C-alpha atoms as a PDB file:
ATOM      1  CA  UNK A   1     -42.237 -29.429 -51.624  1.00  0.00           C
ATOM      2  CA  UNK A   2     -44.775 -26.911 -50.331  1.00  0.00           C
ATOM      3  CA  UNK A   3     -48.289 -27.241 -48.965  1.00  0.00           C
ATOM      4  CA  UNK A   4     -50.869 -27.766 -51.667  1.00  0.00           C
ATOM      5  CA  UNK A   5     -54.532 -28.150 -50.745  1.00  0.00           C
ATOM      6  CA  UNK A   6     -56.258 -31.358 -51.765  1.00  0.00           C
ATOM      7  CA  UNK A   7     -59.767 -30.828 -53.130  1.00  0.00           C
ATOM      8  CA  UNK A   8     -62.010 -27.773 -53.328  1.00  0.00           C
ATOM      9  CA  UNK A   9     -62.350 -24.950 -50.793  1.00  0.00           C
ATOM     10  CA  UNK A  10     -59.555 -26.250 -48.607  1.00  0.00           C
ATOM     11  CA  UNK A  11     -56.939 -23.560 -49.190  1.00  0.00           C
ATOM     12  CA  UNK A  12     -54.833 -22.864 -46.126  1.00  0.00           C
ATOM     13  CA  UNK A  13     -56.838 -25.398 -44.099  1.00  0.00           C
ATOM     14  CA  UNK A  14     -53.907 -26.602 -42.010  1.00  0.00           C
ATOM     15  CA  UNK A  15     -52.839 -23.072 -41.096  1.00  0.00           C
ATOM     16  CA  UNK A  16     -56.339 -22.257 -39.774  1.00  0.00           C
ATOM     17  CA  UNK A  17     -56.848 -25.510 -37.872  1.00  0.00           C
ATOM     18  CA  UNK A  18     -56.346 -25.742 -34.124  1.00  0.00           C
ATOM     19  CA  UNK A  19     -53.124 -27.653 -33.573  1.00  0.00           C
ATOM     20  CA  UNK A  20     -52.040 -29.580 -30.496  1.00  0.00           C
ATOM     21  CA  UNK A  21     -48.436 -30.332 -29.692  1.00  0.00           C
ATOM     22  CA  UNK A  22     -48.065 -34.073 -29.119  1.00  0.00           C
ATOM     23  CA  UNK A  23     -45.319 -36.605 -28.592  1.00  0.00           C
ATOM     24  CA  UNK A  24     -46.814 -39.822 -29.861  1.00  0.00           C
ATOM     25  CA  UNK A  25     -45.212 -42.833 -31.514  1.00  0.00           C
ATOM     26  CA  UNK A  26     -47.251 -44.445 -34.284  1.00  0.00           C
ATOM     27  CA  UNK A  27     -46.823 -46.729 -37.294  1.00  0.00           C
ATOM     28  CA  UNK A  28     -46.751 -45.340 -40.850  1.00  0.00           C
ATOM     29  CA  UNK A  29     -46.516 -46.928 -44.284  1.00  0.00           C
ATOM     30  CA  UNK A  30     -46.953 -46.167 -47.973  1.00  0.00           C
ATOM     31  CA  UNK A  31     -48.233 -48.772 -50.384  1.00  0.00           C
ATOM     32  CA  UNK A  32     -46.689 -52.167 -49.719  1.00  0.00           C
ATOM     33  CA  UNK A  33     -43.595 -50.813 -47.964  1.00  0.00           C
ATOM     34  CA  UNK A  34     -42.990 -52.078 -44.417  1.00  0.00           C
ATOM     35  CA  UNK A  35     -44.503 -50.256 -41.434  1.00  0.00           C
ATOM     36  CA  UNK A  36     -42.175 -47.678 -39.810  1.00  0.00           C
ATOM     37  CA  UNK A  37     -42.269 -46.347 -36.242  1.00  0.00           C
ATOM     38  CA  UNK A  38     -42.505 -42.560 -36.443  1.00  0.00           C
ATOM     39  CA  UNK A  39     -43.021 -39.809 -33.885  1.00  0.00           C
ATOM     40  CA  UNK A  40     -45.872 -37.326 -34.321  1.00  0.00           C
ATOM     41  CA  UNK A  41     -45.045 -33.786 -33.174  1.00  0.00           C
ATOM     42  CA  UNK A  42     -48.345 -31.981 -33.662  1.00  0.00           C
ATOM     43  CA  UNK A  43     -51.827 -32.763 -34.877  1.00  0.00           C
ATOM     44  CA  UNK A  44     -55.031 -31.007 -35.873  1.00  0.00           C
ATOM     45  CA  UNK A  45     -58.367 -32.243 -37.165  1.00  0.00           C
ATOM     46  CA  UNK A  46     -57.032 -31.733 -40.701  1.00  0.00           C
ATOM     47  CA  UNK A  47     -53.449 -33.004 -40.498  1.00  0.00           C
ATOM     48  CA  UNK A  48     -50.250 -33.648 -38.589  1.00  0.00           C
ATOM     49  CA  UNK A  49     -46.503 -33.101 -38.515  1.00  0.00           C
ATOM     50  CA  UNK A  50     -44.100 -36.003 -38.008  1.00  0.00           C
ATOM     51  CA  UNK A  51     -40.483 -37.051 -38.437  1.00  0.00           C
ATOM     52  CA  UNK A  52     -39.273 -37.511 -42.020  1.00  0.00           C
ATOM     53  CA  UNK A  53     -38.206 -40.981 -43.176  1.00  0.00           C
ATOM     54  CA  UNK A  54     -36.456 -41.716 -46.485  1.00  0.00           C
ATOM     55  CA  UNK A  55     -38.700 -43.281 -49.077  1.00  0.00           C
ATOM     56  CA  UNK A  56     -41.882 -41.371 -48.228  1.00  0.00           C
ATOM     57  CA  UNK A  57     -43.302 -39.786 -51.366  1.00  0.00           C
ATOM     58  CA  UNK A  58     -45.923 -37.122 -52.033  1.00  0.00           C
ATOM     59  CA  UNK A  59     -47.313 -39.257 -54.868  1.00  0.00           C
ATOM     60  CA  UNK A  60     -48.748 -41.996 -52.625  1.00  0.00           C
ATOM     61  CA  UNK A  61     -51.150 -42.039 -49.696  1.00  0.00           C
ATOM     62  CA  UNK A  62     -49.731 -42.467 -46.213  1.00  0.00           C
ATOM     63  CA  UNK A  63     -51.418 -44.911 -43.846  1.00  0.00           C
ATOM     64  CA  UNK A  64     -51.059 -44.151 -40.156  1.00  0.00           C
ATOM     65  CA  UNK A  65     -51.853 -46.449 -37.232  1.00  0.00           C
ATOM     66  CA  UNK A  66     -52.407 -44.828 -33.873  1.00  0.00           C
ATOM     67  CA  UNK A  67     -53.116 -47.338 -31.086  1.00  0.00           C
ATOM     68  CA  UNK A  68     -56.831 -47.579 -30.296  1.00  0.00           C
ATOM     69  CA  UNK A  69     -57.972 -46.022 -33.600  1.00  0.00           C
ATOM     70  CA  UNK A  70     -58.881 -47.257 -37.044  1.00  0.00           C
ATOM     71  CA  UNK A  71     -56.340 -46.875 -39.835  1.00  0.00           C
ATOM     72  CA  UNK A  72     -56.071 -43.235 -40.979  1.00  0.00           C
ATOM     73  CA  UNK A  73     -55.188 -42.091 -44.509  1.00  0.00           C
ATOM     74  CA  UNK A  74     -53.259 -38.917 -45.297  1.00  0.00           C
ATOM     75  CA  UNK A  75     -51.323 -37.170 -48.073  1.00  0.00           C
ATOM     76  CA  UNK A  76     -47.835 -35.727 -47.687  1.00  0.00           C
ATOM     77  CA  UNK A  77     -48.009 -31.955 -48.266  1.00  0.00           C
ATOM     78  CA  UNK A  78     -44.588 -30.548 -47.309  1.00  0.00           C
ATOM     79  CA  UNK A  79     -41.101 -31.485 -46.114  1.00  0.00           C
ATOM     80  CA  UNK A  80     -38.887 -29.165 -44.108  1.00  0.00           C
ATOM     81  CA  UNK A  81     -35.858 -29.661 -41.824  1.00  0.00           C
ATOM     82  CA  UNK A  82     -36.343 -33.373 -41.159  1.00  0.00           C
ATOM     83  CA  UNK A  83     -40.110 -33.035 -40.692  1.00  0.00           C
ATOM     84  CA  UNK A  84     -43.096 -33.635 -42.957  1.00  0.00           C
ATOM     85  CA  UNK A  85     -46.596 -32.240 -42.880  1.00  0.00           C
ATOM     86  CA  UNK A  86     -49.538 -34.396 -43.895  1.00  0.00           C
ATOM     87  CA  UNK A  87     -53.222 -33.715 -44.542  1.00  0.00           C
ATOM     88  CA  UNK A  88     -55.809 -36.331 -43.550  1.00  0.00           C
ATOM     89  CA  UNK A  89     -58.009 -37.579 -46.404  1.00  0.00           C
ATOM     90  CA  UNK A  90     -60.991 -37.043 -44.094  1.00  0.00           C
ATOM     91  CA  UNK A  91     -60.990 -34.604 -41.193  1.00  0.00           C
ATOM     92  CA  UNK A  92     -60.832 -36.160 -37.745  1.00  0.00           C
ATOM     93  CA  UNK A  93     -63.979 -35.967 -35.661  1.00  0.00           C
ATOM     94  CA  UNK A  94     -63.370 -33.719 -32.631  1.00  0.00           C
ATOM     95  CA  UNK A  95     -63.682 -36.633 -30.127  1.00  0.00           C
ATOM     96  CA  UNK A  96     -61.036 -38.599 -32.091  1.00  0.00           C
ATOM     97  CA  UNK A  97     -58.725 -35.569 -32.076  1.00  0.00           C
ATOM     98  CA  UNK A  98     -59.266 -35.208 -28.296  1.00  0.00           C
ATOM     99  CA  UNK A  99     -58.512 -38.929 -27.797  1.00  0.00           C
ATOM    100  CA  UNK A 100     -55.199 -38.633 -29.661  1.00  0.00           C
ATOM    101  CA  UNK A 101     -54.151 -35.607 -27.604  1.00  0.00           C
ATOM    102  CA  UNK A 102     -55.080 -37.398 -24.323  1.00  0.00           C
ATOM    103  CA  UNK A 103     -53.187 -40.523 -25.441  1.00  0.00           C
ATOM    104  CA  UNK A 104     -50.114 -38.391 -26.118  1.00  0.00           C
ATOM    105  CA  UNK A 105     -50.262 -37.034 -22.565  1.00  0.00           C
ATOM    106  CA  UNK A 106     -50.332 -40.599 -21.219  1.00  0.00           C
ATOM    107  CA  UNK A 107     -47.234 -41.533 -23.268  1.00  0.00           C
ATOM    108  CA  UNK A 108     -45.289 -38.492 -22.073  1.00  0.00           C
END
């Protein structure tokens, strides 16, 4: 699976976005499957990279719960070496991105 933009005028969006290295545990699910604890490794306003878990599919939305935030929706875009890259359905607002990065520092 390789990165494929979702929507118009979004080609190479994740590559251009400012990324922050994080170490944050969150909850992820697809459809009606049970929630899974997964570690985020980096994040940008447009997407994130996290550990791969069997059963995650590029055909269904991914729901991600980060403590202190509303439920976020993303699409799986690539899988490589035990990691997956996801693109948020809606870009994060800069203050939300900053909050996630600060929260990661507190968990470290």
